[in-house]
Amino acid sequence: MASGIQNEKKIVSISEIVKGMKLCTIEVRIIRVWERPNFKNQLETESIEMVLMDSEGSKIQASYRKGLILQFMPKIKEGEFRQFSNFLVRENGAMEKSTTHNCVLSLNYGSRIEECRVLDIPKFGFTFAKFKDIISKRLPDTFPSSGEQKSGQLTQLSNDTNDFLKEESIKDISDLLEMNKAGICVSLATIEDIDIQYSWYNDACKRCNSGLVREGDVTRCRKDNHVVKSTVPT
């Protein structure tokens, strides 16, 4: 008589994930989903990108190629709780990272996405940082940013911050749009709404996919300073 033993899933936290890890499962909330277009044809989707967050507050980016859209799209929805299994873990070598994690997850034909229990994870996964940490460049250059405050917790402006606001140049959004040189300024604003309908993107050089620098009406490639006449979203 033959008997089988069902292996239990090895559930790990996002902070435990390292390059090359295999046969593990994470329980997360999907806090962002967007399409990455094909660079040669902007009307064609190259991949679906996601930011996942676990109950410890750690985030990691995950993606799957266009050939897997029919397989995974019905299971992917912002705000939902899911178990991700059998994914590939590779190094996060992107120039503009969406999380601070050193790795990203790549889903393939053998990967699995299943519903899981409701977890104590905020819907939008924001992490709030202090003004002084942003200005002193103590934070990594990523989006969403990370700081000392835990996700979902807002704090009142401290006396130190109030003094800081008095000392620095305060500008409104219209002033920022007209600035033509680098500088440090402060804009104190209220979040009126959060737009989650459209995908994230940054304009980039069409030739090398590098960032851009705008000098008046002229746009230049950040990498080699040539004038850019057309850009691509990244």
C-alpha atoms as a PDB file:
ATOM      1  CA  MET A   1       0.000   0.000   0.000  1.00  0.00           C
ATOM      2  CA  ALA A   2       1.456   3.346  -1.029  1.00  0.00           C
ATOM      3  CA  SER A   3       1.226   6.382   1.188  1.00  0.00           C
ATOM      4  CA  GLY A   4       2.145  10.014   0.540  1.00  0.00           C
ATOM      5  CA  ILE A   5       3.361  12.700   2.859  1.00  0.00           C
ATOM      6  CA  GLN A   6       2.210  16.240   2.137  1.00  0.00           C
ATOM      7  CA  ASN A   7       4.957  18.769   2.698  1.00  0.00           C
ATOM      8  CA  GLU A   8       4.048  21.796   4.722  1.00  0.00           C
ATOM      9  CA  LYS A   9       4.691  25.155   3.169  1.00  0.00           C
ATOM     10  CA  LYS A  10       7.754  26.948   4.449  1.00  0.00           C
ATOM     11  CA  ILE A  11       6.410  30.439   5.137  1.00  0.00           C
ATOM     12  CA  VAL A  12       9.132  33.080   5.502  1.00  0.00           C
ATOM     13  CA  SER A  13       9.126  36.823   6.043  1.00  0.00           C
ATOM     14  CA  ILE A  14      10.206  39.192   3.273  1.00  0.00           C
ATOM     15  CA  SER A  15      13.226  40.266   5.326  1.00  0.00           C
ATOM     16  CA  GLU A  16      14.487  36.653   5.232  1.00  0.00           C
ATOM     17  CA  ILE A  17      14.474  36.476   1.430  1.00  0.00           C
ATOM     18  CA  VAL A  18      17.923  36.357  -0.158  1.00  0.00           C
ATOM     19  CA  LYS A  19      19.152  35.818  -3.706  1.00  0.00           C
ATOM     20  CA  GLY A  20      18.807  32.218  -4.848  1.00  0.00           C
ATOM     21  CA  MET A  21      16.278  31.177  -2.177  1.00  0.00           C
ATOM     22  CA  LYS A  22      13.898  28.431  -3.366  1.00  0.00           C
ATOM     23  CA  LEU A  23      10.804  26.510  -2.240  1.00  0.00           C
ATOM     24  CA  CYS A  24       9.408  29.067   0.167  1.00  0.00           C
ATOM     25  CA  THR A  25       6.125  30.915   0.607  1.00  0.00           C
ATOM     26  CA  ILE A  26       5.309  34.448   1.711  1.00  0.00           C
ATOM     27  CA  GLU A  27       2.009  35.794   3.039  1.00  0.00           C
ATOM     28  CA  VAL A  28       1.549  39.392   1.944  1.00  0.00           C
ATOM     29  CA  ARG A  29      -0.782  42.189   0.950  1.00  0.00           C
ATOM     30  CA  ILE A  30      -0.555  43.513  -2.604  1.00  0.00           C
ATOM     31  CA  ILE A  31      -0.191  47.262  -2.095  1.00  0.00           C
ATOM     32  CA  ARG A  32       0.746  48.363  -5.643  1.00  0.00           C
ATOM     33  CA  VAL A  33       0.186  46.979  -9.146  1.00  0.00           C
ATOM     34  CA  TRP A  34       1.250  48.617 -12.417  1.00  0.00           C
ATOM     35  CA  GLU A  35       2.076  47.756 -16.019  1.00  0.00           C
ATOM     36  CA  ARG A  36       5.553  48.214 -17.462  1.00  0.00           C
ATOM     37  CA  PRO A  37       5.325  49.002 -21.192  1.00  0.00           C
ATOM     38  CA  ASN A  38       7.490  47.550 -23.922  1.00  0.00           C
ATOM     39  CA  PHE A  39      10.193  50.103 -24.782  1.00  0.00           C
ATOM     40  CA  LYS A  40       9.806  49.498 -28.515  1.00  0.00           C
ATOM     41  CA  ASN A  41       6.011  49.621 -28.464  1.00  0.00           C
ATOM     42  CA  GLN A  42       4.474  51.720 -25.709  1.00  0.00           C
ATOM     43  CA  LEU A  43       1.015  50.275 -26.408  1.00  0.00           C
ATOM     44  CA  GLU A  44       2.234  46.776 -25.520  1.00  0.00           C
ATOM     45  CA  THR A  45       2.649  45.542 -21.931  1.00  0.00           C
ATOM     46  CA  GLU A  46       6.048  44.020 -21.196  1.00  0.00           C
ATOM     47  CA  SER A  47       5.372  42.912 -17.617  1.00  0.00           C
ATOM     48  CA  ILE A  48       3.148  43.380 -14.575  1.00  0.00           C
ATOM     49  CA  GLU A  49       4.939  44.826 -11.558  1.00  0.00           C
ATOM     50  CA  MET A  50       3.835  44.679  -7.919  1.00  0.00           C
ATOM     51  CA  VAL A  51       4.927  45.811  -4.479  1.00  0.00           C
ATOM     52  CA  LEU A  52       4.189  43.259  -1.754  1.00  0.00           C
ATOM     53  CA  MET A  53       4.201  43.926   1.981  1.00  0.00           C
ATOM     54  CA  ASP A  54       4.147  41.477   4.918  1.00  0.00           C
ATOM     55  CA  SER A  55       2.951  41.853   8.493  1.00  0.00           C
ATOM     56  CA  GLU A  56       6.439  42.955   9.618  1.00  0.00           C
ATOM     57  CA  GLY A  57       6.223  46.002   7.344  1.00  0.00           C
ATOM     58  CA  SER A  58       8.870  44.742   4.896  1.00  0.00           C
ATOM     59  CA  LYS A  59       8.291  45.315   1.172  1.00  0.00           C
ATOM     60  CA  ILE A  60       9.570  43.634  -1.971  1.00  0.00           C
ATOM     61  CA  GLN A  61       8.896  44.066  -5.680  1.00  0.00           C
ATOM     62  CA  ALA A  62       7.544  41.158  -7.713  1.00  0.00           C
ATOM     63  CA  SER A  63       6.810  40.804 -11.428  1.00  0.00           C
ATOM     64  CA  TYR A  64       5.702  38.451 -14.163  1.00  0.00           C
ATOM     65  CA  ARG A  65       6.151  38.668 -17.935  1.00  0.00           C
ATOM     66  CA  LYS A  66       3.399  39.283 -20.472  1.00  0.00           C
ATOM     67  CA  GLY A  67       3.159  35.587 -21.320  1.00  0.00           C
ATOM     68  CA  LEU A  68       1.829  34.897 -17.813  1.00  0.00           C
ATOM     69  CA  ILE A  69      -0.828  37.628 -17.728  1.00  0.00           C
ATOM     70  CA  LEU A  70      -3.710  35.232 -18.420  1.00  0.00           C
ATOM     71  CA  GLN A  71      -2.462  32.879 -15.700  1.00  0.00           C
ATOM     72  CA  PHE A  72      -1.926  35.413 -12.908  1.00  0.00           C
ATOM     73  CA  MET A  73      -3.999  38.520 -13.682  1.00  0.00           C
ATOM     74  CA  PRO A  74      -7.263  37.134 -12.172  1.00  0.00           C
ATOM     75  CA  LYS A  75      -5.402  36.536  -8.890  1.00  0.00           C
ATOM     76  CA  ILE A  76      -3.748  39.970  -8.670  1.00  0.00           C
ATOM     77  CA  LYS A  77      -5.640  42.877  -7.148  1.00  0.00           C
ATOM     78  CA  GLU A  78      -4.411  45.810  -5.090  1.00  0.00           C
ATOM     79  CA  GLY A  79      -5.325  45.536  -1.431  1.00  0.00           C
ATOM     80  CA  GLU A  80      -5.856  41.765  -1.454  1.00  0.00           C
ATOM     81  CA  PHE A  81      -4.043  39.230   0.768  1.00  0.00           C
ATOM     82  CA  ARG A  82      -2.203  36.433  -1.024  1.00  0.00           C
ATOM     83  CA  GLN A  83       0.277  33.597  -0.609  1.00  0.00           C
ATOM     84  CA  PHE A  84       3.099  33.598  -3.189  1.00  0.00           C
ATOM     85  CA  SER A  85       5.033  30.349  -3.690  1.00  0.00           C
ATOM     86  CA  ASN A  86       7.666  28.834  -6.022  1.00  0.00           C
ATOM     87  CA  PHE A  87       9.077  32.132  -7.249  1.00  0.00           C
ATOM     88  CA  LEU A  88      12.579  32.999  -8.377  1.00  0.00           C
ATOM     89  CA  VAL A  89      14.639  35.420  -6.296  1.00  0.00           C
ATOM     90  CA  ARG A  90      17.079  37.654  -8.123  1.00  0.00           C
ATOM     91  CA  GLU A  91      19.171  40.694  -7.240  1.00  0.00           C
ATOM     92  CA  ASN A  92      17.448  44.080  -7.353  1.00  0.00           C
ATOM     93  CA  GLY A  93      19.760  45.883  -9.755  1.00  0.00           C
ATOM     94  CA  ALA A  94      17.324  48.581 -10.901  1.00  0.00           C
ATOM     95  CA  MET A  95      18.563  52.183 -10.953  1.00  0.00           C
ATOM     96  CA  GLU A  96      15.249  53.443  -9.549  1.00  0.00           C
ATOM     97  CA  LYS A  97      13.984  50.946  -6.995  1.00  0.00           C
ATOM     98  CA  SER A  98      10.412  50.724  -5.763  1.00  0.00           C
ATOM     99  CA  THR A  99      11.480  49.175  -2.430  1.00  0.00           C
ATOM    100  CA  THR A 100      14.632  49.062  -0.305  1.00  0.00           C
ATOM    101  CA  HIS A 101      14.914  45.273  -0.536  1.00  0.00           C
ATOM    102  CA  ASN A 102      18.063  43.910  -2.181  1.00  0.00           C
ATOM    103  CA  CYS A 103      16.059  41.341  -4.152  1.00  0.00           C
ATOM    104  CA  VAL A 104      13.030  41.125  -6.425  1.00  0.00           C
ATOM    105  CA  LEU A 105      10.716  38.191  -7.086  1.00  0.00           C
ATOM    106  CA  SER A 106      10.130  36.800 -10.575  1.00  0.00           C
ATOM    107  CA  LEU A 107       7.059  34.638 -11.129  1.00  0.00           C
ATOM    108  CA  ASN A 108       7.161  31.832 -13.686  1.00  0.00           C
ATOM    109  CA  TYR A 109       4.886  29.052 -14.937  1.00  0.00           C
ATOM    110  CA  GLY A 110       5.493  27.006 -11.789  1.00  0.00           C
ATOM    111  CA  SER A 111       4.730  29.853  -9.371  1.00  0.00           C
ATOM    112  CA  ARG A 112       1.528  29.830  -7.332  1.00  0.00           C
ATOM    113  CA  ILE A 113      -0.667  32.647  -6.024  1.00  0.00           C
ATOM    114  CA  GLU A 114      -3.384  31.699  -3.544  1.00  0.00           C
ATOM    115  CA  GLU A 115      -5.759  33.519  -1.240  1.00  0.00           C
ATOM    116  CA  CYS A 116      -4.684  33.692   2.389  1.00  0.00           C
ATOM    117  CA  ARG A 117      -6.015  34.859   5.735  1.00  0.00           C
ATOM    118  CA  VAL A 118      -6.522  38.541   6.521  1.00  0.00           C
ATOM    119  CA  LEU A 119      -3.259  39.995   7.816  1.00  0.00           C
ATOM    120  CA  ASP A 120      -2.510  43.074   9.906  1.00  0.00           C
ATOM    121  CA  ILE A 121      -1.071  45.071   6.999  1.00  0.00           C
ATOM    122  CA  PRO A 122      -2.163  48.627   6.037  1.00  0.00           C
ATOM    123  CA  LYS A 123      -3.850  48.917   2.649  1.00  0.00           C
ATOM    124  CA  PHE A 124      -1.477  51.461   1.088  1.00  0.00           C
ATOM    125  CA  GLY A 125       1.725  50.541   2.925  1.00  0.00           C
ATOM    126  CA  PHE A 126       3.032  54.077   3.337  1.00  0.00           C
ATOM    127  CA  THR A 127       6.097  54.590   5.505  1.00  0.00           C
ATOM    128  CA  PHE A 128       6.469  58.120   6.842  1.00  0.00           C
ATOM    129  CA  ALA A 129       9.843  59.771   7.283  1.00  0.00           C
ATOM    130  CA  LYS A 130      11.037  62.780   9.231  1.00  0.00           C
ATOM    131  CA  PHE A 131      11.896  66.005   7.381  1.00  0.00           C
ATOM    132  CA  LYS A 132      15.374  66.129   8.910  1.00  0.00           C
ATOM    133  CA  ASP A 133      16.147  62.586   7.657  1.00  0.00           C
ATOM    134  CA  ILE A 134      15.004  63.457   4.125  1.00  0.00           C
ATOM    135  CA  ILE A 135      17.092  66.664   3.959  1.00  0.00           C
ATOM    136  CA  SER A 136      20.167  65.025   5.485  1.00  0.00           C
ATOM    137  CA  LYS A 137      19.880  62.269   2.826  1.00  0.00           C
ATOM    138  CA  ARG A 138      19.869  59.507   5.425  1.00  0.00           C
ATOM    139  CA  LEU A 139      17.162  57.688   3.523  1.00  0.00           C
ATOM    140  CA  PRO A 140      17.726  55.472   0.451  1.00  0.00           C
ATOM    141  CA  ASP A 141      16.726  56.993  -2.884  1.00  0.00           C
ATOM    142  CA  THR A 142      13.709  54.767  -3.450  1.00  0.00           C
ATOM    143  CA  PHE A 143       9.947  55.007  -3.803  1.00  0.00           C
ATOM    144  CA  PRO A 144       8.021  54.533  -1.619  1.00  0.00           C
ATOM    145  CA  SER A 145      10.477  56.060   0.853  1.00  0.00           C
ATOM    146  CA  SER A 146      11.237  54.480   4.189  1.00  0.00           C
ATOM    147  CA  GLY A 147      12.061  56.098   7.492  1.00  0.00           C
ATOM    148  CA  GLU A 148      11.786  55.647  11.210  1.00  0.00           C
ATOM    149  CA  GLN A 149       7.998  55.936  11.380  1.00  0.00           C
ATOM    150  CA  LYS A 150       5.999  52.722  11.066  1.00  0.00           C
ATOM    151  CA  SER A 151       3.506  52.396   8.223  1.00  0.00           C
ATOM    152  CA  GLY A 152       0.125  53.965   8.871  1.00  0.00           C
ATOM    153  CA  GLN A 153       1.298  56.089  11.807  1.00  0.00           C
ATOM    154  CA  LEU A 154       1.279  59.862  11.492  1.00  0.00           C
ATOM    155  CA  THR A 155       2.999  62.090  14.049  1.00  0.00           C
ATOM    156  CA  GLN A 156       2.567  65.761  14.825  1.00  0.00           C
ATOM    157  CA  LEU A 157       5.297  68.141  13.693  1.00  0.00           C
ATOM    158  CA  SER A 158       7.819  68.509  16.504  1.00  0.00           C
ATOM    159  CA  ASN A 159       9.268  71.781  17.742  1.00  0.00           C
ATOM    160  CA  ASP A 160      12.518  70.935  15.958  1.00  0.00           C
ATOM    161  CA  THR A 161      10.621  70.575  12.683  1.00  0.00           C
ATOM    162  CA  ASN A 162       8.779  73.861  13.219  1.00  0.00           C
ATOM    163  CA  ASP A 163      12.098  75.661  13.720  1.00  0.00           C
ATOM    164  CA  PHE A 164      13.427  73.984  10.620  1.00  0.00           C
ATOM    165  CA  LEU A 165      10.463  75.253   8.576  1.00  0.00           C
ATOM    166  CA  LYS A 166      11.144  78.821   9.700  1.00  0.00           C
ATOM    167  CA  GLU A 167      14.792  78.660   8.688  1.00  0.00           C
ATOM    168  CA  GLU A 168      14.376  77.212   5.216  1.00  0.00           C
ATOM    169  CA  SER A 169      12.815  78.635   2.073  1.00  0.00           C
ATOM    170  CA  ILE A 170       9.130  77.677   1.904  1.00  0.00           C
ATOM    171  CA  LYS A 171       7.708  77.274  -1.607  1.00  0.00           C
ATOM    172  CA  ASP A 172       4.351  76.224  -2.967  1.00  0.00           C
ATOM    173  CA  ILE A 173       3.883  73.802  -5.865  1.00  0.00           C
ATOM    174  CA  SER A 174       3.751  76.549  -8.510  1.00  0.00           C
ATOM    175  CA  ASP A 175       7.144  77.825  -7.288  1.00  0.00           C
ATOM    176  CA  LEU A 176       8.625  74.335  -7.551  1.00  0.00           C
ATOM    177  CA  LEU A 177       7.476  73.985 -11.159  1.00  0.00           C
ATOM    178  CA  GLU A 178       9.282  77.203 -12.085  1.00  0.00           C
ATOM    179  CA  MET A 179      12.603  76.330 -10.394  1.00  0.00           C
ATOM    180  CA  ASN A 180      15.472  75.888 -12.857  1.00  0.00           C
ATOM    181  CA  LYS A 181      18.291  74.965 -10.473  1.00  0.00           C
ATOM    182  CA  ALA A 182      18.914  72.548  -7.641  1.00  0.00           C
ATOM    183  CA  GLY A 183      18.190  73.682  -4.118  1.00  0.00           C
ATOM    184  CA  ILE A 184      16.606  72.812  -0.791  1.00  0.00           C
ATOM    185  CA  CYS A 185      13.118  74.005   0.032  1.00  0.00           C
ATOM    186  CA  VAL A 186      10.093  72.940   2.048  1.00  0.00           C
ATOM    187  CA  SER A 187       6.470  72.510   0.992  1.00  0.00           C
ATOM    188  CA  LEU A 188       3.986  71.712   3.748  1.00  0.00           C
ATOM    189  CA  ALA A 189       0.853  70.235   2.171  1.00  0.00           C
ATOM    190  CA  THR A 190      -2.246  68.173   2.861  1.00  0.00           C
ATOM    191  CA  ILE A 191      -2.960  64.954   0.961  1.00  0.00           C
ATOM    192  CA  GLU A 192      -6.362  65.512  -0.635  1.00  0.00           C
ATOM    193  CA  ASP A 193      -6.666  62.204  -2.449  1.00  0.00           C
ATOM    194  CA  ILE A 194      -4.662  59.168  -3.557  1.00  0.00           C
ATOM    195  CA  ASP A 195      -4.841  58.183  -7.217  1.00  0.00           C
ATOM    196  CA  ILE A 196      -4.460  54.404  -7.555  1.00  0.00           C
ATOM    197  CA  GLN A 197      -6.070  54.055 -10.989  1.00  0.00           C
ATOM    198  CA  TYR A 198      -3.063  54.831 -13.184  1.00  0.00           C
ATOM    199  CA  SER A 199       0.286  53.095 -13.280  1.00  0.00           C
ATOM    200  CA  TRP A 200       3.493  54.626 -11.966  1.00  0.00           C
ATOM    201  CA  TYR A 201       6.069  55.844 -14.431  1.00  0.00           C
ATOM    202  CA  ASN A 202       9.026  58.188 -14.824  1.00  0.00           C
ATOM    203  CA  ASP A 203      10.126  59.806 -18.079  1.00  0.00           C
ATOM    204  CA  ALA A 204      13.454  58.427 -19.282  1.00  0.00           C
ATOM    205  CA  CYS A 205      15.885  58.845 -22.166  1.00  0.00           C
ATOM    206  CA  LYS A 206      14.658  56.812 -25.156  1.00  0.00           C
ATOM    207  CA  ARG A 207      18.222  55.923 -26.158  1.00  0.00           C
ATOM    208  CA  CYS A 208      19.635  54.590 -22.859  1.00  0.00           C
ATOM    209  CA  ASN A 209      16.693  54.596 -20.395  1.00  0.00           C
ATOM    210  CA  SER A 210      18.540  56.980 -18.031  1.00  0.00           C
ATOM    211  CA  GLY A 211      16.918  59.746 -16.012  1.00  0.00           C
ATOM    212  CA  LEU A 212      16.379  63.254 -17.363  1.00  0.00           C
ATOM    213  CA  VAL A 213      17.412  66.781 -16.408  1.00  0.00           C
ATOM    214  CA  ARG A 214      15.251  69.709 -17.514  1.00  0.00           C
ATOM    215  CA  GLU A 215      16.877  73.091 -18.158  1.00  0.00           C
ATOM    216  CA  GLY A 216      14.101  75.494 -19.089  1.00  0.00           C
ATOM    217  CA  ASP A 217      12.581  74.173 -22.323  1.00  0.00           C
ATOM    218  CA  VAL A 218      15.493  71.782 -22.944  1.00  0.00           C
ATOM    219  CA  THR A 219      15.534  68.194 -21.661  1.00  0.00           C
ATOM    220  CA  ARG A 220      18.885  66.408 -21.348  1.00  0.00           C
ATOM    221  CA  CYS A 221      19.940  62.844 -20.580  1.00  0.00           C
ATOM    222  CA  ARG A 222      21.334  62.580 -17.072  1.00  0.00           C
ATOM    223  CA  LYS A 223      23.915  60.020 -18.213  1.00  0.00           C
ATOM    224  CA  ASP A 224      25.732  61.763 -21.095  1.00  0.00           C
ATOM    225  CA  ASN A 225      24.009  65.178 -21.212  1.00  0.00           C
ATOM    226  CA  HIS A 226      22.726  64.951 -24.813  1.00  0.00           C
ATOM    227  CA  VAL A 227      19.480  66.737 -25.700  1.00  0.00           C
ATOM    228  CA  VAL A 228      16.470  64.407 -25.526  1.00  0.00           C
ATOM    229  CA  LYS A 229      13.706  65.047 -28.064  1.00  0.00           C
ATOM    230  CA  SER A 230      11.442  62.155 -27.067  1.00  0.00           C
ATOM    231  CA  THR A 231      11.120  60.179 -23.840  1.00  0.00           C
ATOM    232  CA  VAL A 232       9.768  56.813 -22.741  1.00  0.00           C
ATOM    233  CA  PRO A 233       7.934  55.911 -19.512  1.00  0.00           C
ATOM    234  CA  THR A 234       9.724  53.545 -17.132  1.00  0.00           C
END
